[in-house]
Amino acid sequence: MSETVKAQAEDRTPMALLPYQQAWCADQSPVKLCEKSRRIGLSWGEAADTALLAASGSGMDAWYIGYNKDMALEFIRDCANWAKFYNLAAGEITETEEVFVEGDDKQAILAFVIRFASGWRVTALSSRPSNLRGKQGRVIIDEAAFHDQLGELLKAAMALLMWGGQVHIISTHDGVDNPFNELITDVRAGKKPYSIHRIPFDEAVEQGLYRRICLRLGREWTPEGEAVWCKEIRDFYGEDASEELDCIPKNGGGRWLNRALIESRMSPYSPVIRYDQTDAFGLLPEPRRAAEVADWINDVLQPLLDGLDPSRTSFVGEDFARSGDRTVLVPLLQQKNLQLKPPFVLELGNMPFAQQEQIMAHLLRGLPNLLKHIRNMKEVFGLPVVVALNRFVSDTDAELDVIQAACAEEGATVALTEVWEKGGAGGEALAHAVIDAIAGQPNEFRFAYEENSSVADKIRAIAQKVYGAADVDFSSEALAEIAGLEKLGLDKLPVCMAKTQYSLSDDAKLLGCPTGFKLHVRGITVSAGAGFIVALCGNMMKMPGLPKAPAAEQIDVDEHGVIHGLF
């Protein structure tokens, strides 16, 4: 063998190949996959590498599996041609059509074989999984998506890896409901440690595909000719071009949801809430069943809903079970990237239809808000966020899981606090989380408003950005007080909002995360010593002033540590 040929055999990327073919041959991963455009010559490139492998004394047998006889014969002949091109074992290569009798069923297997002087061979087999039984070496599964038993074929092929074998999987797509696409999806998701290549038509053309075709056919290459040729190819495939040329699998016919799609929608942050009833529950009078379910809704379901975000578009789906089996309810929240994520999954067992309807009706009344304040802190004020999740003895793990999951989706740190039960020790996790957030997260604090804005504009900015209001309604008294502040030169002070703690609006009964409301400002006052303006919203009262002799003057601790004067 010449030195040039030796060098080619070592780097396994002959210059006769185009860049994407070279990249494929150079990849020595035990398992590699390629989703590709149709007719770009990747199988031809695979034949180049396989011929080198089989001709090497340290090589191995290769088993090619196409889905028809013509593909098998073409690959064998490509291997033979490459061997002649390399000048490998010239005159010692035999191309034969053989019939094997293998396997427990003793059925005849038609195969095409090319034998090398090295002792290794390249064999093209039919796509029956049992054909790989007892084999060793490299397996090439070509146009994998079109094999009837691809799942079983892949299992048989992977068995060859135990003794140093290789598995090469090549294909165009044939819909999303296909084991090949599922495998591609799993690899991209990091579920399988395989190497993956993607070669769409435009990329192949960019790397010289049409130039190579012109060279092969004796045509002169021109940019104009290339553009016309590409258009002709795309026009030929029409609406199938995305799948056949661009490596984008078509959606299926709607008969089922494939595993890859289902798993892509699964989330470790979606707790499953189960509400199971006994067989006896269905025998109770309807009012009693309704009352019991209503209690469960108030105690379990409503706290979950209170922790979610009604400002986002929401959906809910139901897999209804008539009897015995579980009914599954799945709420979905649309994220900023338009993905739909389930905050929780609700399973109902042994639940009569009327009560399923009762629970669904409650669920559909809205998916309220937990996350508005988190987004305010991060997006409006530019601050790191730590959520103190106060745990009381009445709280369930399911409730806490939902809240933690919702916070995690927003990128907020959650610290479980149990101060109510454990005192100071129950707050240590929160203290550490705050310290870590200060040290490790960016602090880009800013006001919700421009500091030099007018008092009215500052209040309006807070109302719209922080509370979600459409606008602000200033009373005549408030407007007059603002004018007075401007005359005194106090209008540039920061603004503090005084309103009900029960709502983002000034209406204590408007719960959750309302939008589109008007915030009512009835008055303005100044805390000059503290240095801020106070906007009085709705019916909120100002804190009454302290008496001349406040109660604090009478509070003391005696020598025994007993506190006096509190009451």
Protein backbone atom coordinates (compact mmCIF):
# COMPACT_ATOMS: atom_id res chain seq x y z
CA MET A 1 0.00 0.00 0.00
CA SER A 2 1.37 3.45 -0.92
CA GLU A 3 2.07 6.07 1.74
CA THR A 4 -0.75 8.23 0.38
CA VAL A 5 -3.23 5.42 0.67
CA LYS A 6 -1.98 4.64 4.17
CA ALA A 7 -2.58 8.26 5.21
CA GLN A 8 -6.08 8.13 3.78
CA ALA A 9 -6.78 4.92 5.66
CA GLU A 10 -5.63 6.50 8.90
CA ASP A 11 -7.66 9.73 8.79
CA ARG A 12 -10.59 7.99 7.06
CA THR A 13 -11.62 11.20 5.30
CA PRO A 14 -10.68 10.86 1.61
CA MET A 15 -10.64 14.16 -0.27
CA ALA A 16 -12.88 12.66 -2.92
CA LEU A 17 -15.69 13.16 -0.46
CA LEU A 18 -17.57 16.39 0.20
CA PRO A 19 -17.20 18.05 3.63
CA TYR A 20 -20.38 16.56 5.12
CA GLN A 21 -19.35 13.10 3.86
CA GLN A 22 -15.91 13.58 5.34
CA ALA A 23 -17.38 14.64 8.69
CA TRP A 24 -19.53 11.52 8.74
CA CYS A 25 -16.61 9.19 7.96
CA ALA A 26 -14.31 10.93 10.44
CA ASP A 27 -16.80 10.41 13.30
CA GLN A 28 -15.64 7.21 15.03
CA SER A 29 -18.44 7.10 17.62
CA PRO A 30 -19.67 3.57 18.35
CA VAL A 31 -23.21 4.67 17.47
CA LYS A 32 -23.92 7.54 15.10
CA LEU A 33 -27.07 8.74 13.39
CA CYS A 34 -27.70 10.97 10.41
CA GLU A 35 -30.96 12.64 9.44
CA LYS A 36 -30.46 13.81 5.91
CA SER A 37 -31.88 15.09 2.67
CA ARG A 38 -32.66 12.61 -0.03
CA ARG A 39 -30.00 11.68 -2.62
CA ILE A 40 -27.03 13.61 -1.27
CA GLY A 41 -24.60 10.69 -1.50
CA LEU A 42 -24.17 9.88 2.18
CA SER A 43 -24.50 6.13 1.60
CA TRP A 44 -21.80 6.47 -1.05
CA GLY A 45 -19.59 8.14 1.54
CA GLU A 46 -20.41 5.38 4.03
CA ALA A 47 -19.32 2.82 1.41
CA ALA A 48 -15.96 4.62 1.13
CA ASP A 49 -15.35 4.30 4.86
CA THR A 50 -16.66 0.73 5.03
CA ALA A 51 -14.33 -0.40 2.22
CA LEU A 52 -11.36 0.96 4.13
CA LEU A 53 -12.54 -0.77 7.31
CA ALA A 54 -13.00 -4.18 5.68
CA ALA A 55 -9.69 -3.97 3.78
CA SER A 56 -7.71 -3.28 6.94
CA GLY A 57 -6.07 -6.16 8.76
CA SER A 58 -7.35 -4.66 12.03
CA GLY A 59 -10.81 -4.01 10.61
CA MET A 60 -14.06 -5.91 11.03
CA ASP A 61 -16.96 -7.32 9.07
CA ALA A 62 -19.62 -4.89 7.95
CA TRP A 63 -23.35 -5.67 7.67
CA TYR A 64 -25.39 -3.38 5.46
CA ILE A 65 -29.16 -3.37 5.83
CA GLY A 66 -31.28 -1.53 3.30
CA TYR A 67 -35.00 -1.90 2.90
CA ASN A 68 -34.91 -3.36 -0.63
CA LYS A 69 -32.71 -5.49 -2.90
CA ASP A 70 -31.65 -2.62 -5.17
CA MET A 71 -30.21 -0.64 -2.23
CA ALA A 72 -28.26 -3.67 -1.05
CA LEU A 73 -26.75 -4.33 -4.44
CA GLU A 74 -25.88 -0.65 -4.97
CA PHE A 75 -24.02 -0.43 -1.66
CA ILE A 76 -22.00 -3.58 -2.36
CA ARG A 77 -20.98 -2.26 -5.75
CA ASP A 78 -20.06 1.13 -4.25
CA CYS A 79 -17.79 -0.67 -1.76
CA ALA A 80 -16.17 -2.60 -4.62
CA ASN A 81 -15.63 0.58 -6.62
CA TRP A 82 -14.08 2.35 -3.63
CA ALA A 83 -11.75 -0.58 -3.05
CA LYS A 84 -10.58 -0.35 -6.64
CA PHE A 85 -10.21 3.40 -6.28
CA TYR A 86 -8.02 2.93 -3.20
CA ASN A 87 -6.16 0.12 -4.98
CA LEU A 88 -6.90 -2.09 -2.00
CA ALA A 89 -6.53 -5.81 -2.56
CA ALA A 90 -7.03 -5.36 -6.29
CA GLY A 91 -8.02 -8.50 -8.09
CA GLU A 92 -8.86 -10.28 -4.83
CA ILE A 93 -12.30 -8.79 -4.35
CA THR A 94 -15.24 -11.00 -5.10
CA GLU A 95 -18.78 -9.70 -5.38
CA THR A 96 -21.28 -12.53 -4.94
CA GLU A 97 -24.93 -13.18 -4.38
CA GLU A 98 -25.29 -15.80 -1.69
CA VAL A 99 -28.05 -17.62 0.17
CA PHE A 100 -27.43 -18.22 3.86
CA VAL A 101 -29.36 -20.59 6.07
CA GLU A 102 -29.12 -19.04 9.51
CA GLY A 103 -31.16 -18.71 12.64
CA ASP A 104 -33.41 -20.98 14.56
CA ASP A 105 -36.07 -20.89 11.89
CA LYS A 106 -33.61 -22.15 9.23
CA GLN A 107 -35.11 -19.79 6.67
CA ALA A 108 -33.05 -18.83 3.63
CA ILE A 109 -31.55 -15.32 3.61
CA LEU A 110 -30.52 -13.67 0.35
CA ALA A 111 -27.35 -11.63 0.76
CA PHE A 112 -24.80 -9.81 -1.38
CA VAL A 113 -21.20 -10.23 -0.25
CA ILE A 114 -17.87 -8.63 -1.08
CA ARG A 115 -14.78 -10.35 0.35
CA PHE A 116 -11.41 -8.71 0.95
CA ALA A 117 -7.95 -10.22 1.13
CA SER A 118 -7.86 -9.09 4.78
CA GLY A 119 -10.37 -11.83 5.57
CA TRP A 120 -13.12 -9.37 6.36
CA ARG A 121 -16.26 -8.98 4.28
CA VAL A 122 -19.05 -6.54 3.57
CA THR A 123 -22.44 -8.22 3.46
CA ALA A 124 -25.77 -6.72 2.48
CA LEU A 125 -28.66 -8.40 4.29
CA SER A 126 -32.40 -8.04 4.31
CA SER A 127 -33.91 -6.12 7.21
CA ARG A 128 -35.15 -9.00 9.36
CA PRO A 129 -33.88 -8.42 12.94
CA SER A 130 -32.95 -12.10 13.28
CA ASN A 131 -30.44 -11.71 10.44
CA LEU A 132 -28.06 -9.97 12.86
CA ARG A 133 -28.12 -12.82 15.38
CA GLY A 134 -24.60 -13.99 16.18
CA LYS A 135 -22.93 -11.33 14.03
CA GLN A 136 -20.03 -9.07 14.95
CA GLY A 137 -18.68 -5.90 13.35
CA ARG A 138 -20.24 -2.75 11.91
CA VAL A 139 -23.98 -2.51 11.17
CA ILE A 140 -25.19 0.08 8.67
CA ILE A 141 -28.95 0.63 8.68
CA ASP A 142 -29.76 2.70 5.61
CA GLU A 143 -33.04 4.60 5.23
CA ALA A 144 -33.85 3.42 8.73
CA ALA A 145 -37.20 5.23 8.93
CA PHE A 146 -38.60 2.97 6.20
CA HIS A 147 -37.86 -0.38 7.85
CA ASP A 148 -40.98 -2.15 9.07
CA GLN A 149 -39.36 -3.51 12.26
CA LEU A 150 -36.90 -0.73 13.03
CA GLY A 151 -37.34 -0.96 16.81
CA GLU A 152 -36.45 -4.67 16.88
CA LEU A 153 -33.72 -4.15 14.30
CA LEU A 154 -32.08 -1.49 16.47
CA LYS A 155 -32.15 -3.83 19.49
CA ALA A 156 -30.41 -6.54 17.47
CA ALA A 157 -27.85 -4.07 16.11
CA MET A 158 -26.99 -2.60 19.53
CA ALA A 159 -26.04 -6.06 20.77
CA LEU A 160 -22.97 -5.89 18.51
CA LEU A 161 -21.55 -3.05 20.60
CA MET A 162 -20.61 -5.42 23.44
CA TRP A 163 -17.62 -6.75 21.47
CA GLY A 164 -16.43 -3.49 19.96
CA GLY A 165 -18.92 -3.26 17.10
CA GLN A 166 -20.34 -0.12 15.52
CA VAL A 167 -23.83 0.97 14.53
CA HIS A 168 -24.43 3.54 11.79
CA ILE A 169 -28.02 4.71 11.24
CA ILE A 170 -28.82 6.80 8.16
CA SER A 171 -32.18 8.01 6.93
CA THR A 172 -34.45 10.67 5.60
CA HIS A 173 -37.53 11.22 7.72
CA ASP A 174 -40.87 9.44 7.40
CA GLY A 175 -43.13 11.37 9.75
CA VAL A 176 -42.95 12.06 13.47
CA ASP A 177 -44.70 8.81 14.39
CA ASN A 178 -41.63 6.80 13.59
CA PRO A 179 -38.98 5.01 15.71
CA PHE A 180 -36.24 6.80 13.75
CA ASN A 181 -37.58 10.24 14.68
CA GLU A 182 -38.11 9.09 18.26
CA LEU A 183 -34.48 8.00 18.39
CA ILE A 184 -33.32 11.34 16.97
CA THR A 185 -35.43 13.15 19.57
CA ASP A 186 -34.03 11.04 22.42
CA VAL A 187 -30.45 11.71 21.34
CA ARG A 188 -31.03 15.46 21.12
CA ALA A 189 -32.64 15.40 24.56
CA GLY A 190 -29.51 13.75 25.99
CA LYS A 191 -31.32 10.49 26.79
CA LYS A 192 -28.98 8.42 24.61
CA PRO A 193 -25.22 9.09 24.28
CA TYR A 194 -25.03 8.77 20.51
CA SER A 195 -23.47 11.03 17.90
CA ILE A 196 -25.87 12.80 15.57
CA HIS A 197 -25.44 14.47 12.16
CA ARG A 198 -27.98 16.57 10.28
CA ILE A 199 -27.53 17.29 6.56
CA PRO A 200 -30.34 19.26 4.92
CA PHE A 201 -30.41 19.80 1.17
CA ASP A 202 -29.32 23.44 1.20
CA GLU A 203 -26.29 22.62 3.38
CA ALA A 204 -25.27 19.80 1.02
CA VAL A 205 -25.54 22.14 -1.98
CA GLU A 206 -23.52 24.79 -0.14
CA GLN A 207 -20.78 22.22 0.45
CA GLY A 208 -20.54 21.29 -3.21
CA LEU A 209 -23.26 18.75 -4.03
CA TYR A 210 -24.31 20.34 -7.32
CA ARG A 211 -20.68 21.03 -8.26
CA ARG A 212 -19.94 17.33 -7.79
CA ILE A 213 -22.98 16.40 -9.89
CA CYS A 214 -21.78 18.71 -12.68
CA LEU A 215 -18.32 17.13 -12.51
CA ARG A 216 -19.84 13.66 -12.68
CA LEU A 217 -22.06 14.55 -15.65
CA GLY A 218 -19.52 16.69 -17.49
CA ARG A 219 -21.53 19.89 -17.09
CA GLU A 220 -20.19 23.37 -16.51
CA TRP A 221 -21.07 24.66 -13.07
CA THR A 222 -22.57 28.15 -12.80
CA PRO A 223 -24.34 29.87 -9.90
CA GLU A 224 -27.34 30.43 -12.14
CA GLY A 225 -27.46 26.78 -13.12
CA GLU A 226 -27.24 25.75 -9.47
CA ALA A 227 -30.15 28.03 -8.53
CA VAL A 228 -32.32 26.63 -11.35
CA TRP A 229 -31.44 23.05 -10.40
CA CYS A 230 -32.28 23.63 -6.72
CA LYS A 231 -35.63 25.14 -7.66
CA GLU A 232 -36.41 22.18 -9.90
CA ILE A 233 -35.66 19.77 -7.06
CA ARG A 234 -37.86 21.68 -4.60
CA ASP A 235 -40.66 22.01 -7.15
CA PHE A 236 -40.51 18.26 -7.72
CA TYR A 237 -41.04 17.47 -4.04
CA GLY A 238 -43.59 20.26 -3.56
CA GLU A 239 -45.25 20.14 -0.16
CA ASP A 240 -43.06 17.18 0.81
CA ALA A 241 -39.86 19.23 0.43
CA SER A 242 -39.62 20.01 4.15
CA GLU A 243 -39.44 16.34 5.03
CA GLU A 244 -37.58 15.02 1.97
CA LEU A 245 -35.01 17.83 1.75
CA ASP A 246 -34.97 19.86 4.98
CA CYS A 247 -34.98 17.05 7.58
CA ILE A 248 -38.29 18.19 9.09
CA PRO A 249 -40.57 15.21 9.74
CA LYS A 250 -44.23 15.56 8.87
CA ASN A 251 -46.86 15.44 11.54
CA GLY A 252 -48.65 12.11 11.70
CA GLY A 253 -52.19 11.33 10.80
CA GLY A 254 -53.55 11.96 14.27
CA ARG A 255 -53.99 8.33 15.19
CA TRP A 256 -51.82 8.52 18.32
CA LEU A 257 -49.31 10.67 20.16
CA ASN A 258 -45.88 9.17 19.76
CA ARG A 259 -43.60 8.61 22.73
CA ALA A 260 -41.12 11.31 21.72
CA LEU A 261 -43.84 13.95 21.65
CA ILE A 262 -45.29 12.83 24.97
CA GLU A 263 -41.91 12.83 26.72
CA SER A 264 -41.02 16.25 25.30
CA ARG A 265 -44.06 17.62 27.19
CA MET A 266 -43.23 15.92 30.47
CA SER A 267 -41.70 17.94 33.28
CA PRO A 268 -40.06 16.95 36.58
CA TYR A 269 -41.60 20.11 38.04
CA SER A 270 -45.21 19.01 37.54
CA PRO A 271 -46.51 17.31 40.68
CA VAL A 272 -49.36 14.82 40.43
CA ILE A 273 -52.29 15.53 42.77
CA ARG A 274 -54.45 12.47 43.40
CA TYR A 275 -57.94 12.54 44.86
CA ASP A 276 -59.27 9.00 45.28
CA GLN A 277 -62.65 8.02 46.63
CA THR A 278 -63.95 4.68 47.91
CA ASP A 279 -66.61 2.61 46.23
CA ALA A 280 -68.99 3.63 49.01
CA PHE A 281 -68.67 7.31 48.06
CA GLY A 282 -70.75 6.76 44.94
CA LEU A 283 -73.63 5.44 47.06
CA LEU A 284 -73.92 8.62 49.12
CA PRO A 285 -76.70 11.15 48.40
CA GLU A 286 -75.69 13.75 45.83
CA PRO A 287 -75.71 16.70 48.31
CA ARG A 288 -73.31 14.86 50.63
CA ARG A 289 -70.95 14.01 47.75
CA ALA A 290 -71.03 17.61 46.53
CA ALA A 291 -70.33 18.97 50.03
CA GLU A 292 -67.37 16.62 50.58
CA VAL A 293 -65.86 17.51 47.20
CA ALA A 294 -66.42 21.21 47.91
CA ASP A 295 -64.36 20.86 51.10
CA TRP A 296 -61.57 19.17 49.14
CA ILE A 297 -61.67 21.95 46.55
CA ASN A 298 -61.30 24.61 49.26
CA ASP A 299 -58.59 22.74 51.18
CA VAL A 300 -56.47 21.33 48.32
CA LEU A 301 -57.40 22.56 44.85
CA GLN A 302 -57.96 26.25 45.52
CA PRO A 303 -54.54 26.79 47.18
CA LEU A 304 -52.96 25.26 44.08
CA LEU A 305 -54.89 27.62 41.84
CA ASP A 306 -54.03 30.60 44.03
CA GLY A 307 -50.38 29.90 43.33
CA LEU A 308 -50.64 30.22 39.54
CA ASP A 309 -50.65 33.05 37.03
CA PRO A 310 -53.98 34.12 35.49
CA SER A 311 -52.33 36.75 33.31
CA ARG A 312 -51.05 33.99 31.03
CA THR A 313 -53.23 32.22 28.51
CA SER A 314 -54.37 28.99 30.06
CA PHE A 315 -55.78 25.71 28.83
CA VAL A 316 -57.06 22.57 30.43
CA GLY A 317 -57.44 19.06 29.02
CA GLU A 318 -59.30 16.04 30.41
CA ASP A 319 -58.92 12.31 29.89
CA PHE A 320 -62.36 11.25 31.10
CA ALA A 321 -62.91 7.90 32.82
CA ARG A 322 -66.48 6.67 33.01
CA SER A 323 -65.95 4.38 36.02
CA GLY A 324 -63.16 2.65 37.90
CA ASP A 325 -60.25 4.12 35.93
CA ARG A 326 -58.66 7.46 36.69
CA THR A 327 -59.86 10.70 35.19
CA VAL A 328 -56.91 13.00 34.50
CA LEU A 329 -57.15 16.80 34.34
CA VAL A 330 -54.16 18.72 32.99
CA PRO A 331 -54.07 22.54 33.26
CA LEU A 332 -51.56 24.26 30.97
CA LEU A 333 -50.02 27.72 31.16
CA GLN A 334 -48.64 29.38 28.03
CA GLN A 335 -45.08 30.56 28.60
CA LYS A 336 -43.35 33.57 27.05
CA ASN A 337 -41.86 31.30 24.38
CA LEU A 338 -45.40 29.99 23.63
CA GLN A 339 -44.65 26.59 25.15
CA LEU A 340 -47.41 25.07 27.26
CA LYS A 341 -46.38 23.80 30.69
CA PRO A 342 -48.53 21.95 33.22
CA PRO A 343 -48.19 23.41 36.76
CA PHE A 344 -49.70 20.20 38.11
CA VAL A 345 -51.63 17.12 37.01
CA LEU A 346 -54.86 16.19 38.77
CA GLU A 347 -55.93 12.53 38.94
CA LEU A 348 -59.40 11.53 40.17
CA GLY A 349 -60.13 7.95 41.18
CA ASN A 350 -63.59 6.44 41.75
CA MET A 351 -65.13 9.87 41.18
CA PRO A 352 -68.78 10.07 40.04
CA PHE A 353 -69.43 12.12 36.94
CA ALA A 354 -71.27 14.88 38.80
CA GLN A 355 -68.26 15.46 41.05
CA GLN A 356 -65.84 15.35 38.11
CA GLU A 357 -67.98 18.05 36.58
CA GLN A 358 -67.92 19.99 39.85
CA ILE A 359 -64.12 19.91 40.03
CA MET A 360 -63.70 20.79 36.35
CA ALA A 361 -66.10 23.73 36.69
CA HIS A 362 -64.03 25.09 39.57
CA LEU A 363 -60.81 24.58 37.67
CA LEU A 364 -62.11 26.45 34.65
CA ARG A 365 -62.99 29.54 36.67
CA GLY A 366 -59.40 30.58 36.33
CA LEU A 367 -55.80 29.80 37.12
CA PRO A 368 -54.85 32.54 39.62
CA ASN A 369 -51.50 34.02 40.40
CA LEU A 370 -48.48 33.28 42.56
CA LEU A 371 -45.74 34.59 40.31
CA LYS A 372 -46.65 38.23 39.68
CA HIS A 373 -44.50 39.49 42.56
CA ILE A 374 -41.55 37.37 41.43
CA ARG A 375 -41.70 38.90 37.97
CA ASN A 376 -42.11 42.36 39.46
CA MET A 377 -38.95 41.96 41.51
CA LYS A 378 -36.95 40.60 38.58
CA GLU A 379 -38.35 42.46 35.59
CA VAL A 380 -39.52 45.76 37.10
CA PHE A 381 -37.02 46.32 39.91
CA GLY A 382 -34.07 44.23 38.63
CA LEU A 383 -33.49 42.42 41.92
CA PRO A 384 -32.62 38.82 42.75
CA VAL A 385 -35.54 36.94 44.26
CA VAL A 386 -35.79 34.54 47.16
CA VAL A 387 -39.22 33.14 47.96
CA ALA A 388 -39.84 32.31 51.61
CA LEU A 389 -42.18 29.34 51.58
CA ASN A 390 -43.76 29.32 55.03
CA ARG A 391 -44.75 25.85 56.11
CA PHE A 392 -47.54 25.34 58.60
CA VAL A 393 -48.69 22.04 60.06
CA SER A 394 -51.81 22.13 57.87
CA ASP A 395 -49.84 22.44 54.62
CA THR A 396 -49.61 19.36 52.40
CA ASP A 397 -46.53 18.27 50.48
CA ALA A 398 -48.53 18.55 47.26
CA GLU A 399 -49.27 22.22 47.91
CA LEU A 400 -45.63 22.97 48.63
CA ASP A 401 -44.50 21.05 45.56
CA VAL A 402 -46.73 23.11 43.29
CA ILE A 403 -45.47 26.39 44.72
CA GLN A 404 -41.84 25.31 44.48
CA ALA A 405 -42.33 24.15 40.91
CA ALA A 406 -43.98 27.42 39.90
CA CYS A 407 -41.15 29.44 41.44
CA ALA A 408 -38.53 27.25 39.79
CA GLU A 409 -40.14 27.84 36.40
CA GLU A 410 -39.66 31.59 36.99
CA GLY A 411 -36.04 31.12 38.02
CA ALA A 412 -36.62 32.13 41.65
CA THR A 413 -34.83 30.56 44.61
CA VAL A 414 -37.19 28.94 47.11
CA ALA A 415 -36.39 28.51 50.78
CA LEU A 416 -38.65 26.46 53.02
CA THR A 417 -39.23 28.25 56.34
CA GLU A 418 -40.69 26.64 59.44
CA VAL A 419 -40.39 29.54 61.87
CA TRP A 420 -43.99 29.09 63.04
CA GLU A 421 -43.12 25.63 64.37
CA LYS A 422 -39.36 25.75 65.02
CA GLY A 423 -38.62 29.38 65.80
CA GLY A 424 -35.30 30.85 64.64
CA ALA A 425 -33.91 27.48 63.56
CA GLY A 426 -36.74 27.18 61.07
CA GLY A 427 -35.54 30.31 59.29
CA GLU A 428 -31.89 29.38 58.81
CA ALA A 429 -32.42 28.02 55.28
CA LEU A 430 -34.03 31.31 54.28
CA ALA A 431 -31.14 33.32 55.74
CA HIS A 432 -28.58 31.28 53.81
CA ALA A 433 -30.63 31.56 50.61
CA VAL A 434 -30.74 35.36 50.97
CA ILE A 435 -26.98 35.55 51.55
CA ASP A 436 -26.34 33.33 48.53
CA ALA A 437 -28.65 35.43 46.35
CA ILE A 438 -26.90 38.63 47.38
CA ALA A 439 -23.49 37.14 46.66
CA GLY A 440 -24.25 35.17 43.53
CA GLN A 441 -27.07 36.86 41.64
CA PRO A 442 -26.97 40.17 39.75
CA ASN A 443 -28.46 43.22 41.45
CA GLU A 444 -29.55 45.80 38.88
CA PHE A 445 -31.92 47.77 41.06
CA ARG A 446 -34.06 50.40 39.41
CA PHE A 447 -37.27 52.21 40.25
CA ALA A 448 -40.47 51.34 38.49
CA TYR A 449 -40.54 54.95 37.29
CA GLU A 450 -38.16 57.67 36.18
CA GLU A 451 -37.00 59.51 39.29
CA ASN A 452 -37.61 62.96 37.76
CA SER A 453 -41.12 62.15 36.57
CA SER A 454 -44.15 63.92 37.97
CA VAL A 455 -45.94 62.49 40.99
CA ALA A 456 -48.91 61.40 38.85
CA ASP A 457 -46.63 59.67 36.33
CA LYS A 458 -44.75 57.88 39.10
CA ILE A 459 -48.00 56.55 40.56
CA ARG A 460 -49.26 55.55 37.12
CA ALA A 461 -46.02 53.67 36.37
CA ILE A 462 -46.33 51.71 39.63
CA ALA A 463 -49.99 50.96 39.01
CA GLN A 464 -49.41 49.70 35.47
CA LYS A 465 -46.05 47.95 35.78
CA VAL A 466 -46.35 46.48 39.28
CA TYR A 467 -50.10 46.03 39.81
CA GLY A 468 -51.29 45.42 36.24
CA ALA A 469 -53.76 48.36 36.20
CA ALA A 470 -55.00 49.89 32.97
CA ASP A 471 -54.89 53.42 34.40
CA VAL A 472 -55.16 55.52 37.55
CA ASP A 473 -58.16 57.58 38.70
CA PHE A 474 -57.04 60.57 40.81
CA SER A 475 -59.61 62.25 43.04
CA SER A 476 -59.83 66.03 42.91
CA GLU A 477 -58.39 66.13 46.43
CA ALA A 478 -55.39 64.04 45.33
CA LEU A 479 -54.76 66.27 42.30
CA ALA A 480 -54.85 69.36 44.50
CA GLU A 481 -52.39 67.83 46.95
CA ILE A 482 -50.06 66.93 44.07
CA ALA A 483 -50.18 70.53 42.89
CA GLY A 484 -49.29 71.67 46.41
CA LEU A 485 -46.27 69.35 46.48
CA GLU A 486 -45.05 70.77 43.19
CA LYS A 487 -45.20 74.30 44.58
CA LEU A 488 -43.20 73.23 47.61
CA GLY A 489 -40.60 71.45 45.45
CA LEU A 490 -41.34 68.11 47.07
CA ASP A 491 -42.65 66.42 43.95
CA LYS A 492 -39.34 64.69 43.18
CA LEU A 493 -39.44 62.52 46.29
CA PRO A 494 -39.94 58.73 45.91
CA VAL A 495 -43.50 57.39 46.06
CA CYS A 496 -44.92 54.91 48.58
CA MET A 497 -48.28 53.26 47.84
CA ALA A 498 -50.77 52.67 50.65
CA LYS A 499 -53.50 50.18 49.68
CA THR A 500 -55.13 46.92 50.72
CA GLN A 501 -52.82 43.96 51.20
CA TYR A 502 -55.43 41.56 49.85
CA SER A 503 -55.32 42.59 46.21
CA LEU A 504 -53.05 44.10 43.59
CA SER A 505 -55.87 46.58 43.08
CA ASP A 506 -57.41 48.86 45.73
CA ASP A 507 -60.42 46.53 45.98
CA ALA A 508 -59.87 43.91 48.70
CA LYS A 509 -62.36 41.59 47.00
CA LEU A 510 -60.56 41.61 43.62
CA LEU A 511 -58.31 38.62 44.30
CA GLY A 512 -55.65 36.83 42.28
CA CYS A 513 -53.88 38.77 39.55
CA PRO A 514 -56.47 41.09 38.02
CA THR A 515 -55.76 43.19 34.93
CA GLY A 516 -57.47 46.07 33.16
CA PHE A 517 -58.76 47.73 36.36
CA LYS A 518 -58.41 51.36 37.46
CA LEU A 519 -56.46 52.16 40.60
CA HIS A 520 -58.24 54.85 42.65
CA VAL A 521 -56.01 57.39 44.41
CA ARG A 522 -58.11 59.38 46.88
CA GLY A 523 -55.37 61.34 48.57
CA ILE A 524 -51.69 62.29 48.79
CA THR A 525 -49.63 62.89 51.90
CA VAL A 526 -45.95 63.44 52.68
CA SER A 527 -43.73 61.65 55.18
CA ALA A 528 -41.15 64.40 55.20
CA GLY A 529 -38.90 62.87 57.81
CA ALA A 530 -38.72 59.55 55.95
CA GLY A 531 -38.40 61.38 52.64
CA PHE A 532 -41.25 59.97 50.53
CA ILE A 533 -44.70 60.75 49.20
CA VAL A 534 -47.59 58.45 50.17
CA ALA A 535 -50.43 57.74 47.74
CA LEU A 536 -53.61 56.68 49.58
CA CYS A 537 -55.52 54.17 47.44
CA GLY A 538 -59.13 53.10 47.89
CA ASN A 539 -60.37 52.81 51.47
CA MET A 540 -56.95 52.27 52.99
CA MET A 541 -56.60 54.02 56.37
CA LYS A 542 -53.49 55.80 57.59
CA MET A 543 -51.95 54.41 60.74
CA PRO A 544 -53.21 56.40 63.72
CA GLY A 545 -50.62 58.45 65.57
CA LEU A 546 -49.08 57.35 68.86
CA PRO A 547 -50.33 58.83 72.11
CA LYS A 548 -48.16 61.09 74.23
CA ALA A 549 -47.37 58.11 76.44
CA PRO A 550 -47.01 55.12 74.12
CA ALA A 551 -47.43 51.62 75.55
CA ALA A 552 -43.79 50.85 74.84
CA GLU A 553 -42.81 53.03 77.79
CA GLN A 554 -44.52 50.57 80.13
CA ILE A 555 -42.93 47.41 78.71
CA ASP A 556 -40.08 45.89 80.69
CA VAL A 557 -38.29 42.62 81.47
CA ASP A 558 -37.78 41.67 85.10
CA GLU A 559 -34.81 39.82 86.62
CA HIS A 560 -36.48 36.47 85.87
CA GLY A 561 -36.81 37.20 82.16
CA VAL A 562 -40.56 37.75 82.32
CA ILE A 563 -41.93 40.48 80.07
CA HIS A 564 -44.41 42.95 81.57
CA GLY A 565 -46.57 45.61 80.05
CA LEU A 566 -47.50 43.96 76.78
CA PHE A 567 -51.20 43.78 77.54
